[in-house]
Amino acid sequence: MEFLSPGAIVWQVLRQFGPVWLGMALIMGASFVRRNRLGTYGRIYDSPIGIVGFGLVLFWLLTAIMADWVAVVDPFVQVRALKNELPGAIDPANGTVFLFGGDGLGRDVFSRMVYGSRTVMAIAPFATLAAYMIGITLGLPAGYIGGWFDTVLSFIANLVLAFPVILLFYLLVTPEIRQTAIPSVMAAVFFLFPLVFVSLFVWSRFRYRPEVLWKYLLPALLLGGFGYLGLTGLWDPTGLMKMEPSTLNIFLAVVFITSPIVFRIVRGLTLDIKTRDYVAAAQTRGERPWYIMMWEILPNARGPLIVDACLRIGYTTILLGTLGFFGLGVSPESPDWGSTINEGRKLLRIYVHPALPPALAIMSLVLGLNLLADALREQSMRD
């Protein structure tokens, strides 16, 4: 068996990530030049920590998008001759280089790491966004209006948070759950909240200007309704919104567990902000409660929420890796990072290379999100 030298491996890896480096250079270069016009996003470039953190996150995001160009081979292709071979092994049949070696089934570890980023980027950010829309939609009125509504929602949130997280994840993503109506009911409820959030956001702003209201609200309802029908499996003629049952279960589990945390954060911020003078001024002008919540309280709470969202995506990344490690990932053959680490763990004393790259991938992505959150927190404190 022929092998590349360590220097050649490093050079080849850098070449494979060429499209990613180019994309990062264009995005970050253009953003740096125009940072003074980009609001909160532009302020990231005033902090070295923020640049490093955003760079790590952008690297994995672009890797997920360009996985077909970056990967060497199909992550599911098995080459028996390269079973557990060390990094730099060359396929004697066609000369393909397994940059990070082969796993226990002769699959390319590098390609599986690259495609594994798609699983994380397809679930963690969007599940966190859905959880935030639920938490904001319920947390704002709970903190602003209070009363029995606040009491009931706070009790439900505390009830969910009192359950051990890993055990709750295990119960929600087991194959037996897929045989019941629970995923369908959860999807029907959870995916409705983004549509409600956007509708309230637009309606509260333009309710007295119907000619503008329908200009924004109608497209939002049409696109949101199409997305809702597709994600819930009711109607999706294009097949673009379809999720595999295992992916849907994990997505819903993340939303279910994250939403109560976001609810408590939003409720606490609302209780504090509603005592400010500008909220009292809006009340004096006769503004409606939803206008005050959406356009007075929420914008002034965006700093802590954005920081927490970055951290929450990192927590979700770790949870996805944990689920995959325990064999509860999107599918047994999936190249998601947790499953790959679990497969490499079985021969860890003999072969380190199959488990190390996905572990470093998780670490670098979570590190980038934490650094990005720290930079955003510093900026919010300056404001």
Protein backbone atom coordinates (compact mmCIF):
# COMPACT_ATOMS: atom_id res chain seq x y z
CA MET A 1 0.00 0.00 0.00
CA GLU A 2 1.35 3.42 -0.97
CA PHE A 3 0.96 6.50 1.25
CA LEU A 4 1.39 10.24 0.88
CA SER A 5 3.92 12.01 3.09
CA PRO A 6 2.53 14.15 5.98
CA GLY A 7 3.39 17.34 4.12
CA ALA A 8 1.64 16.13 0.98
CA ILE A 9 -1.45 15.23 3.05
CA VAL A 10 -1.63 18.72 4.52
CA TRP A 11 -1.21 20.31 1.10
CA GLN A 12 -3.87 18.10 -0.44
CA VAL A 13 -6.33 18.84 2.38
CA LEU A 14 -5.80 22.57 1.87
CA ARG A 15 -6.40 22.12 -1.85
CA GLN A 16 -9.60 20.18 -1.29
CA PHE A 17 -10.93 23.05 0.83
CA GLY A 18 -10.01 25.53 -1.93
CA PRO A 19 -13.64 26.52 -2.75
CA VAL A 20 -14.26 27.10 0.95
CA TRP A 21 -11.19 29.34 1.33
CA LEU A 22 -12.27 31.33 -1.72
CA GLY A 23 -15.82 31.76 -0.40
CA MET A 24 -14.54 32.83 3.02
CA ALA A 25 -12.16 35.36 1.48
CA LEU A 26 -14.91 36.93 -0.64
CA ILE A 27 -17.52 37.07 2.14
CA MET A 28 -15.26 38.21 4.96
CA GLY A 29 -13.28 40.60 2.74
CA ALA A 30 -16.38 42.35 1.41
CA SER A 31 -17.93 42.44 4.88
CA PHE A 32 -14.79 43.93 6.43
CA VAL A 33 -14.71 46.74 3.85
CA ARG A 34 -18.39 47.59 4.46
CA ARG A 35 -18.50 46.76 8.18
CA ASN A 36 -19.66 50.25 9.19
CA ARG A 37 -22.87 49.78 7.20
CA LEU A 38 -23.72 46.25 8.35
CA GLY A 39 -25.03 46.92 11.85
CA THR A 40 -24.51 44.19 14.43
CA TYR A 41 -22.93 41.85 11.89
CA GLY A 42 -20.40 44.49 10.88
CA ARG A 43 -19.32 45.00 14.49
CA ILE A 44 -17.98 41.45 14.56
CA TYR A 45 -15.05 42.66 12.46
CA ASP A 46 -14.04 45.13 15.17
CA SER A 47 -13.08 42.22 17.43
CA PRO A 48 -10.26 39.73 16.69
CA ILE A 49 -12.18 37.12 18.70
CA GLY A 50 -15.26 37.78 16.60
CA ILE A 51 -13.33 37.41 13.34
CA VAL A 52 -11.85 34.07 14.42
CA GLY A 53 -15.21 32.80 15.71
CA PHE A 54 -17.13 33.87 12.62
CA GLY A 55 -14.39 32.43 10.41
CA LEU A 56 -14.71 29.00 12.03
CA VAL A 57 -18.50 29.03 11.72
CA LEU A 58 -18.38 30.26 8.13
CA PHE A 59 -15.81 27.59 7.28
CA TRP A 60 -18.16 24.76 8.28
CA LEU A 61 -21.18 26.45 6.76
CA LEU A 62 -19.47 26.74 3.38
CA THR A 63 -18.11 23.22 3.74
CA ALA A 64 -21.66 21.94 4.17
CA ILE A 65 -22.82 23.89 1.11
CA MET A 66 -19.84 22.84 -1.05
CA ALA A 67 -19.49 19.28 0.25
CA ASP A 68 -19.86 17.82 -3.26
CA TRP A 69 -16.79 19.80 -4.38
CA VAL A 70 -14.70 19.38 -1.24
CA ALA A 71 -15.13 15.64 -0.59
CA VAL A 72 -12.77 13.25 -2.34
CA VAL A 73 -15.22 10.39 -2.87
CA ASP A 74 -18.79 9.42 -1.99
CA PRO A 75 -18.92 9.02 1.82
CA PHE A 76 -20.80 5.73 1.47
CA VAL A 77 -18.40 4.02 -0.98
CA GLN A 78 -16.51 1.12 0.62
CA VAL A 79 -13.05 0.06 -0.51
CA ARG A 80 -12.09 -3.16 1.23
CA ALA A 81 -8.40 -2.68 0.53
CA LEU A 82 -8.43 0.57 2.54
CA LYS A 83 -10.15 -0.78 5.64
CA ASN A 84 -8.63 1.00 8.68
CA GLU A 85 -5.74 2.24 6.56
CA LEU A 86 -3.75 5.20 7.88
CA PRO A 87 -4.08 8.79 6.55
CA GLY A 88 -2.67 9.33 3.09
CA ALA A 89 -3.46 5.82 1.84
CA ILE A 90 -3.79 5.55 -1.94
CA ASP A 91 -6.44 3.32 -3.49
CA PRO A 92 -4.48 0.83 -5.66
CA ALA A 93 -7.42 0.52 -8.05
CA ASN A 94 -7.82 4.14 -9.19
CA GLY A 95 -5.23 6.21 -7.27
CA THR A 96 -7.77 8.01 -5.06
CA VAL A 97 -6.16 9.36 -1.90
CA PHE A 98 -7.91 8.75 1.42
CA LEU A 99 -6.55 11.89 3.10
CA PHE A 100 -7.56 10.95 6.63
CA GLY A 101 -7.44 7.20 6.02
CA GLY A 102 -10.22 4.64 5.91
CA ASP A 103 -12.66 3.56 8.61
CA GLY A 104 -13.65 0.06 9.68
CA LEU A 105 -15.68 -0.44 6.50
CA GLY A 106 -13.14 1.07 4.11
CA ARG A 107 -14.93 4.42 3.72
CA ASP A 108 -13.05 7.71 3.34
CA VAL A 109 -12.88 9.42 6.75
CA PHE A 110 -12.20 12.84 5.19
CA SER A 111 -15.26 12.69 2.92
CA ARG A 112 -17.46 11.50 5.79
CA MET A 113 -16.27 14.39 7.95
CA VAL A 114 -17.07 16.84 5.15
CA TYR A 115 -20.55 15.47 4.51
CA GLY A 116 -21.18 15.21 8.24
CA SER A 117 -21.18 19.01 8.40
CA ARG A 118 -24.40 18.98 6.37
CA THR A 119 -26.24 17.12 9.11
CA VAL A 120 -25.22 19.69 11.73
CA MET A 121 -25.88 22.72 9.54
CA ALA A 122 -29.25 21.37 8.41
CA ILE A 123 -30.55 20.78 11.94
CA ALA A 124 -28.80 22.93 14.56
CA PRO A 125 -29.36 26.48 13.16
CA PHE A 126 -32.89 25.91 11.86
CA ALA A 127 -34.06 23.99 14.92
CA THR A 128 -32.67 26.76 17.11
CA LEU A 129 -34.41 29.39 14.95
CA ALA A 130 -37.73 27.53 15.24
CA ALA A 131 -37.27 27.26 19.01
CA TYR A 132 -36.60 31.00 19.21
CA MET A 133 -39.75 31.83 17.30
CA ILE A 134 -41.75 29.68 19.70
CA GLY A 135 -40.01 31.10 22.76
CA ILE A 136 -40.43 34.70 21.58
CA THR A 137 -44.06 34.30 20.55
CA LEU A 138 -44.96 32.89 23.98
CA GLY A 139 -42.38 34.65 26.15
CA LEU A 140 -43.28 38.20 25.13
CA PRO A 141 -46.96 38.07 26.20
CA ALA A 142 -46.09 35.98 29.26
CA GLY A 143 -43.72 38.67 30.53
CA TYR A 144 -45.69 41.69 29.32
CA ILE A 145 -49.25 40.66 30.18
CA GLY A 146 -48.55 38.21 33.01
CA GLY A 147 -51.49 36.74 34.90
CA TRP A 148 -52.73 33.20 34.44
CA PHE A 149 -51.17 33.00 30.96
CA ASP A 150 -47.72 33.56 32.44
CA THR A 151 -48.37 31.14 35.29
CA VAL A 152 -49.48 28.28 33.04
CA LEU A 153 -46.68 28.69 30.48
CA SER A 154 -44.02 29.08 33.17
CA PHE A 155 -45.24 25.88 34.85
CA ILE A 156 -45.09 23.95 31.56
CA ALA A 157 -41.62 25.32 30.79
CA ASN A 158 -40.32 24.39 34.25
CA LEU A 159 -41.87 20.94 33.90
CA VAL A 160 -40.00 20.27 30.65
CA LEU A 161 -36.73 21.68 31.99
CA ALA A 162 -36.98 19.52 35.12
CA PHE A 163 -36.58 16.40 32.96
CA PRO A 164 -33.02 15.12 32.30
CA VAL A 165 -32.06 16.39 28.85
CA ILE A 166 -30.34 13.27 27.53
CA LEU A 167 -33.15 11.01 28.76
CA LEU A 168 -35.76 13.27 27.17
CA PHE A 169 -33.83 13.26 23.90
CA TYR A 170 -33.61 9.48 24.05
CA LEU A 171 -37.37 9.18 24.54
CA LEU A 172 -38.16 11.54 21.68
CA VAL A 173 -35.85 10.11 19.01
CA THR A 174 -36.16 6.36 19.57
CA PRO A 175 -37.50 4.41 16.55
CA GLU A 176 -40.58 3.36 18.53
CA ILE A 177 -41.75 6.99 18.68
CA ARG A 178 -41.89 7.10 14.88
CA GLN A 179 -44.62 4.46 14.93
CA THR A 180 -46.92 6.75 16.91
CA ALA A 181 -48.73 10.00 16.10
CA ILE A 182 -46.48 12.00 18.45
CA PRO A 183 -44.07 13.32 15.75
CA SER A 184 -46.96 14.38 13.51
CA VAL A 185 -48.71 16.22 16.33
CA MET A 186 -45.49 17.92 17.45
CA ALA A 187 -44.71 18.97 13.87
CA ALA A 188 -48.22 20.36 13.38
CA VAL A 189 -47.89 22.48 16.53
CA PHE A 190 -44.24 23.56 16.38
CA PHE A 191 -44.13 24.46 12.68
CA LEU A 192 -47.18 26.67 13.13
CA PHE A 193 -45.33 29.10 15.41
CA PRO A 194 -42.94 30.56 12.79
CA LEU A 195 -45.98 31.40 10.68
CA VAL A 196 -47.70 32.99 13.68
CA PHE A 197 -44.57 34.92 14.64
CA VAL A 198 -44.06 36.44 11.18
CA SER A 199 -47.76 37.27 10.88
CA LEU A 200 -47.82 39.04 14.25
CA PHE A 201 -44.57 40.84 13.45
CA VAL A 202 -45.97 42.30 10.21
CA TRP A 203 -49.55 42.83 11.41
CA SER A 204 -48.52 44.71 14.55
CA ARG A 205 -46.47 47.12 12.44
CA PHE A 206 -48.83 47.82 9.54
CA ARG A 207 -52.30 47.08 10.91
CA TYR A 208 -53.42 50.66 10.22
CA ARG A 209 -51.93 50.66 6.71
CA PRO A 210 -53.77 47.85 4.87
CA GLU A 211 -52.21 48.69 1.50
CA VAL A 212 -48.76 48.00 2.98
CA LEU A 213 -49.92 45.24 5.32
CA TRP A 214 -51.05 42.88 2.57
CA LYS A 215 -47.98 43.66 0.49
CA TYR A 216 -45.85 41.98 3.17
CA LEU A 217 -48.32 39.70 4.89
CA LEU A 218 -49.71 37.89 1.86
CA PRO A 219 -46.33 36.63 0.53
CA ALA A 220 -45.36 35.64 4.09
CA LEU A 221 -48.57 33.66 4.51
CA LEU A 222 -48.23 31.97 1.11
CA LEU A 223 -44.59 30.98 1.57
CA GLY A 224 -45.09 30.12 5.22
CA GLY A 225 -48.20 28.09 4.47
CA PHE A 226 -46.39 26.15 1.76
CA GLY A 227 -43.51 25.47 4.14
CA TYR A 228 -45.89 24.41 6.90
CA LEU A 229 -47.77 21.97 4.67
CA GLY A 230 -44.51 20.53 3.38
CA LEU A 231 -42.79 20.13 6.75
CA THR A 232 -45.86 18.52 8.32
CA GLY A 233 -46.21 16.15 5.35
CA LEU A 234 -49.69 17.36 4.42
CA TRP A 235 -48.83 18.60 0.92
CA ASP A 236 -45.48 18.97 -0.80
CA PRO A 237 -45.64 18.46 -4.57
CA THR A 238 -42.03 19.53 -5.07
CA GLY A 239 -40.54 17.32 -2.33
CA LEU A 240 -38.25 20.17 -1.23
CA MET A 241 -39.54 20.33 2.34
CA LYS A 242 -39.62 16.61 3.01
CA MET A 243 -37.63 15.34 6.00
CA GLU A 244 -36.61 11.80 6.74
CA PRO A 245 -38.50 10.45 9.81
CA SER A 246 -35.30 10.19 11.85
CA THR A 247 -34.22 13.73 10.92
CA LEU A 248 -37.68 15.07 11.73
CA ASN A 249 -37.64 13.38 15.14
CA ILE A 250 -34.27 14.90 16.02
CA PHE A 251 -35.36 18.32 14.75
CA LEU A 252 -38.54 18.23 16.84
CA ALA A 253 -36.66 17.01 19.90
CA VAL A 254 -34.24 19.94 19.67
CA VAL A 255 -37.13 22.40 19.31
CA PHE A 256 -39.07 20.82 22.17
CA ILE A 257 -36.15 21.01 24.60
CA THR A 258 -34.80 24.41 23.52
CA SER A 259 -38.11 26.29 23.40
CA PRO A 260 -38.71 26.39 27.20
CA ILE A 261 -35.19 27.76 27.75
CA VAL A 262 -35.77 30.52 25.19
CA PHE A 263 -39.20 31.20 26.69
CA ARG A 264 -37.68 31.82 30.12
CA ILE A 265 -34.99 34.10 28.70
CA VAL A 266 -37.48 36.16 26.67
CA ARG A 267 -39.90 36.35 29.60
CA GLY A 268 -37.15 37.60 31.92
CA LEU A 269 -35.99 40.23 29.42
CA THR A 270 -39.58 41.37 28.86
CA LEU A 271 -40.19 41.78 32.60
CA ASP A 272 -37.16 44.06 32.74
CA ILE A 273 -37.66 46.04 29.53
CA LYS A 274 -41.38 46.71 30.00
CA THR A 275 -40.51 49.06 32.89
CA ARG A 276 -38.40 51.33 30.65
CA ASP A 277 -39.45 54.84 29.73
CA TYR A 278 -39.77 54.20 26.00
CA VAL A 279 -42.30 51.42 26.68
CA ALA A 280 -44.29 53.82 28.90
CA ALA A 281 -44.12 56.39 26.10
CA ALA A 282 -45.53 53.87 23.61
CA GLN A 283 -48.33 53.03 26.03
CA THR A 284 -49.08 56.74 26.40
CA ARG A 285 -49.34 57.08 22.61
CA GLY A 286 -52.00 54.39 22.71
CA GLU A 287 -50.01 51.67 20.95
CA ARG A 288 -51.44 48.16 21.04
CA PRO A 289 -49.76 45.46 23.22
CA TRP A 290 -48.45 43.41 20.29
CA TYR A 291 -46.90 46.51 18.71
CA ILE A 292 -45.13 47.30 21.97
CA MET A 293 -43.95 43.72 22.37
CA MET A 294 -42.74 43.28 18.78
CA TRP A 295 -41.40 46.76 18.01
CA GLU A 296 -40.40 48.22 21.37
CA ILE A 297 -39.41 45.32 23.62
CA LEU A 298 -38.08 42.73 21.15
CA PRO A 299 -35.59 45.05 19.34
CA ASN A 300 -34.13 46.10 22.68
CA ALA A 301 -33.76 42.46 23.72
CA ARG A 302 -32.03 41.36 20.52
CA GLY A 303 -28.49 41.65 21.91
CA PRO A 304 -28.81 38.99 24.64
CA LEU A 305 -30.97 36.85 22.36
CA ILE A 306 -28.42 36.83 19.53
CA VAL A 307 -25.63 35.95 21.95
CA ASP A 308 -27.68 33.13 23.45
CA ALA A 309 -28.63 31.88 19.99
CA CYS A 310 -24.95 31.41 19.09
CA LEU A 311 -24.38 29.46 22.30
CA ARG A 312 -27.58 27.49 21.79
CA ILE A 313 -26.50 26.35 18.31
CA GLY A 314 -23.25 25.14 19.89
CA TYR A 315 -25.16 23.20 22.55
CA THR A 316 -27.32 21.68 19.83
CA THR A 317 -24.23 20.65 17.89
CA ILE A 318 -22.93 18.81 20.95
CA LEU A 319 -26.32 17.17 21.50
CA LEU A 320 -26.45 16.00 17.89
CA GLY A 321 -23.00 14.52 18.29
CA THR A 322 -24.09 12.82 21.52
CA LEU A 323 -27.17 11.34 19.86
CA GLY A 324 -25.10 10.05 16.96
CA PHE A 325 -22.57 8.60 19.39
CA PHE A 326 -25.35 6.63 21.09
CA GLY A 327 -26.64 5.35 17.76
CA LEU A 328 -29.63 7.71 17.63
CA GLY A 329 -28.46 9.83 14.71
CA VAL A 330 -30.30 10.46 11.47
CA SER A 331 -29.53 6.95 10.17
CA PRO A 332 -27.06 4.14 10.95
CA GLU A 333 -25.05 4.77 7.76
CA SER A 334 -25.14 8.55 8.06
CA PRO A 335 -21.77 10.34 8.04
CA ASP A 336 -22.85 12.59 10.90
CA TRP A 337 -19.99 13.35 13.27
CA GLY A 338 -21.37 11.60 16.35
CA SER A 339 -21.93 8.32 14.51
CA THR A 340 -18.46 8.50 12.96
CA ILE A 341 -16.87 9.03 16.38
CA ASN A 342 -18.81 6.07 17.76
CA GLU A 343 -17.66 3.82 14.92
CA GLY A 344 -14.04 4.90 15.39
CA ARG A 345 -14.26 4.45 19.17
CA LYS A 346 -14.56 0.68 18.84
CA LEU A 347 -10.95 0.37 17.66
CA LEU A 348 -9.60 3.49 19.35
CA ARG A 349 -6.69 1.71 21.01
CA ILE A 350 -5.44 0.52 17.63
CA TYR A 351 -6.61 3.18 15.15
CA VAL A 352 -7.03 6.81 16.20
CA HIS A 353 -7.55 8.38 12.80
CA PRO A 354 -11.25 7.44 12.16
CA ALA A 355 -12.55 9.11 15.34
CA LEU A 356 -10.23 12.12 15.56
CA PRO A 357 -11.34 14.27 12.54
CA PRO A 358 -15.09 14.40 13.41
CA ALA A 359 -14.22 15.07 17.07
CA LEU A 360 -12.03 18.00 16.03
CA ALA A 361 -14.78 19.19 13.68
CA ILE A 362 -17.30 19.36 16.53
CA MET A 363 -14.76 21.08 18.76
CA SER A 364 -13.87 23.71 16.15
CA LEU A 365 -17.49 24.53 15.28
CA VAL A 366 -18.54 24.86 18.92
CA LEU A 367 -15.40 26.90 19.65
CA GLY A 368 -16.26 29.24 16.77
CA LEU A 369 -19.81 29.71 18.04
CA ASN A 370 -18.58 30.42 21.58
CA LEU A 371 -16.02 32.95 20.35
CA LEU A 372 -18.67 34.60 18.19
CA ALA A 373 -21.00 34.79 21.19
CA ASP A 374 -18.23 36.35 23.31
CA ALA A 375 -17.58 39.00 20.65
CA LEU A 376 -21.28 39.82 20.37
CA ARG A 377 -21.55 40.02 24.16
CA GLU A 378 -18.67 42.51 24.27
CA GLN A 379 -20.36 44.64 21.63
CA SER A 380 -23.70 44.59 23.47
CA MET A 381 -21.99 45.68 26.70
CA ARG A 382 -20.41 48.65 24.88
CA ASP A 383 -23.84 49.68 23.62
